[in-house]
Protein backbone atom coordinates (compact mmCIF):
# COMPACT_ATOMS: atom_id res chain seq x y z
CA MET A 1 78.20 141.29 41.74
CA ILE A 2 76.44 144.01 43.73
CA MET A 3 75.32 142.99 47.20
CA ASP A 4 72.35 144.77 48.70
CA SER A 5 71.93 146.06 52.23
CA HIS A 6 73.90 144.44 55.04
CA ASN A 7 72.87 140.90 55.91
CA MET A 8 69.87 140.68 53.59
CA ILE A 9 69.88 137.76 51.19
CA THR A 10 69.63 139.55 47.87
CA PHE A 11 72.08 140.25 45.10
CA ARG A 12 72.21 141.80 41.64
CA GLN A 13 74.43 140.72 38.77
CA ASN A 14 74.40 141.45 35.01
CA GLY A 15 70.85 142.84 34.96
CA ASN A 16 69.51 140.04 37.16
CA TRP A 17 68.27 140.30 40.73
CA PHE A 18 67.76 137.48 43.22
CA THR A 19 65.95 138.05 46.49
CA TYR A 20 64.87 135.81 49.34
CA ARG A 21 61.69 137.04 51.04
CA ALA A 22 59.42 135.99 53.88
CA ALA A 23 55.89 137.38 54.04
CA GLY A 24 52.93 137.14 56.36
CA ILE A 25 49.32 136.36 55.64
CA ILE A 26 47.13 138.00 58.27
CA PHE A 27 43.38 137.61 57.94
CA SER A 28 40.87 139.76 59.81
CA PRO A 29 39.19 138.07 62.80
CA ASP A 30 36.18 137.18 60.59
CA SER A 31 38.55 135.89 57.84
CA LYS A 32 36.87 138.11 55.23
CA LYS A 33 39.80 140.52 54.80
CA VAL A 34 43.55 140.18 54.34
CA LEU A 35 46.23 142.73 55.23
CA LEU A 36 48.29 144.06 52.31
CA HIS A 37 51.00 146.69 52.13
CA ARG A 38 52.87 148.85 49.65
CA SER A 39 55.73 151.30 49.81
CA ASP A 40 55.76 154.95 48.85
CA ALA A 41 57.68 154.02 45.70
CA ASP A 42 55.32 151.31 44.37
CA PRO A 43 51.78 151.53 42.96
CA PHE A 44 51.08 147.83 43.67
CA TRP A 45 50.30 145.81 46.80
CA SER A 46 51.97 142.75 48.33
CA LEU A 47 51.72 140.74 51.50
CA PRO A 48 53.73 142.40 54.29
CA GLY A 49 57.19 141.02 54.85
CA GLY A 50 60.76 141.51 53.83
CA ARG A 51 64.09 140.04 52.94
CA GLY A 52 65.63 137.30 54.99
CA GLU A 53 69.00 137.69 56.64
CA PHE A 54 71.85 135.21 56.48
CA PHE A 55 71.38 132.33 58.95
CA GLU A 56 67.88 133.51 59.95
CA PRO A 57 65.10 130.93 59.49
CA SER A 58 62.26 132.28 57.33
CA ARG A 59 59.75 131.84 60.18
CA GLU A 60 61.84 134.22 62.30
CA THR A 61 62.25 136.64 59.38
CA VAL A 62 58.52 137.16 58.96
CA VAL A 63 57.93 137.69 62.70
CA ARG A 64 60.84 140.18 62.81
CA GLU A 65 59.53 142.07 59.79
CA MET A 66 56.05 142.45 61.32
CA LYS A 67 57.60 143.86 64.48
CA GLU A 68 59.86 146.26 62.53
CA GLU A 69 57.25 147.47 60.04
CA MET A 70 54.06 147.52 62.14
CA GLY A 71 55.30 147.39 65.71
CA VAL A 72 53.23 144.30 66.54
CA GLU A 73 54.01 140.82 67.80
CA THR A 74 52.78 137.99 65.62
CA ALA A 75 53.10 134.22 65.66
CA ALA A 76 53.74 132.14 62.57
CA GLU A 77 51.16 129.35 62.57
CA ARG A 78 52.30 127.51 59.47
CA LEU A 79 53.97 127.83 56.09
CA ALA A 80 51.22 128.25 53.48
CA PHE A 81 53.17 128.84 50.26
CA VAL A 82 56.65 128.65 48.85
CA ILE A 83 56.57 130.80 45.72
CA GLU A 84 59.31 131.04 43.13
CA ASN A 85 58.34 134.20 41.28
CA PHE A 86 59.96 135.51 38.10
CA PHE A 87 59.25 139.10 37.01
CA GLU A 88 60.76 142.39 35.81
CA TYR A 89 61.22 145.29 38.19
CA GLY A 90 63.30 148.46 38.05
CA GLY A 91 65.12 147.33 34.92
CA TYR A 92 66.07 143.95 36.41
CA ASN A 93 65.04 140.40 35.60
CA CYS A 94 64.02 139.23 39.06
CA HIS A 95 63.98 135.82 40.70
CA GLU A 96 62.28 135.93 44.07
CA LEU A 97 62.09 132.98 46.42
CA GLY A 98 59.27 133.68 48.87
CA PHE A 99 58.10 131.91 52.00
CA TYR A 100 54.52 132.90 52.90
CA TYR A 101 53.36 132.17 56.45
CA LEU A 102 49.90 132.25 57.95
CA LEU A 103 50.29 134.61 60.90
CA LYS A 104 48.21 135.35 63.95
CA ALA A 105 48.19 138.62 65.82
CA ALA A 106 46.60 138.83 69.26
CA PRO A 107 42.84 139.53 69.28
CA GLY A 108 42.31 143.25 69.80
CA CYS A 109 45.72 144.06 68.29
CA LYS A 110 45.93 147.64 67.03
CA ILE A 111 46.14 146.52 63.38
CA PHE A 112 42.51 145.30 63.57
CA GLU A 113 41.23 148.69 64.78
CA THR A 114 41.45 150.64 61.52
CA PRO A 115 40.95 149.90 57.80
CA ALA A 116 44.34 151.44 56.92
CA PHE A 117 47.46 152.59 58.74
CA GLU A 118 51.09 153.52 58.13
CA GLY A 119 54.30 151.77 59.07
CA ARG A 120 58.00 152.10 58.32
CA GLU A 121 60.82 150.16 56.75
CA GLY A 122 63.83 152.17 57.90
CA SER A 123 63.27 155.63 56.43
CA GLN A 124 60.68 154.42 53.90
CA LYS A 125 56.98 154.93 54.61
CA LEU A 126 54.74 151.87 54.19
CA TYR A 127 50.97 151.83 53.72
CA PHE A 128 48.92 148.97 55.17
CA GLU A 129 45.32 148.31 54.24
CA TRP A 130 42.70 145.60 54.74
CA PHE A 131 41.22 144.21 51.51
CA GLU A 132 38.18 141.99 51.03
CA VAL A 133 39.44 138.52 50.12
CA SER A 134 36.47 138.10 47.77
CA GLY A 135 37.56 141.18 45.76
CA LEU A 136 41.28 140.47 45.33
CA GLU A 137 40.96 139.84 41.57
CA SER A 138 40.59 143.61 41.10
CA VAL A 139 43.56 144.52 43.33
CA GLU A 140 47.03 145.05 41.86
CA LEU A 141 48.53 142.40 44.16
CA TYR A 142 51.81 140.62 43.41
CA PRO A 143 52.62 137.84 42.92
CA LYS A 144 49.39 137.69 40.92
CA CYS A 145 48.80 134.05 41.83
CA LEU A 146 47.95 135.17 45.38
CA ARG A 147 44.73 136.82 44.15
CA ALA A 148 43.14 133.38 43.71
CA LYS A 149 45.18 131.42 46.28
CA LEU A 150 44.13 133.63 49.21
CA LYS A 151 40.46 133.05 48.33
CA ASN A 152 40.91 129.27 48.27
CA PHE A 153 43.39 128.97 51.10
CA PRO A 154 45.18 125.59 51.17
CA GLU A 155 45.19 123.24 54.14
CA ALA A 156 48.72 122.09 53.30
CA THR A 157 51.80 123.96 52.12
CA GLU A 158 51.86 124.60 48.36
CA HIS A 159 54.93 125.12 46.18
CA ILE A 160 54.19 127.48 43.30
CA VAL A 161 56.37 128.49 40.36
CA HIS A 162 54.92 131.71 38.95
CA ARG A 163 55.80 134.27 36.28
CA ASP A 164 54.37 137.79 36.63
């Protein structure tokens, strides 16, 4: 079994890859746009977030990741989705367990001041951009189920099993 970086909950074994991820859903103040991100290495978009660490609650993971990647303080309002996603990536059969939180950033926060900006994950450059929620069907956003779910945002937590 190959363990990935330090305390992150992810491992690879026999062509399979498991990862535990927490991500944030940040809507623009008018709720018409959602913040997405991608890395230098990927042509697709996802909700910002990252891998959980051992013994770190997912709510704390997502707040930590926002601080590390964007340099902003956020508050996790509530858990919106738990998504078990199955897909292929980088030659691996992947099983991702994702916790997706509705986040709030302070009004006037720097992330609301520009349509796109850069951040960092260690030495890797990240690109952040605001996308119209109404146009997500045409965005290469993964997991794909989020394209529709973000447009019809649930009032209660949803558990989704999805295959990309």
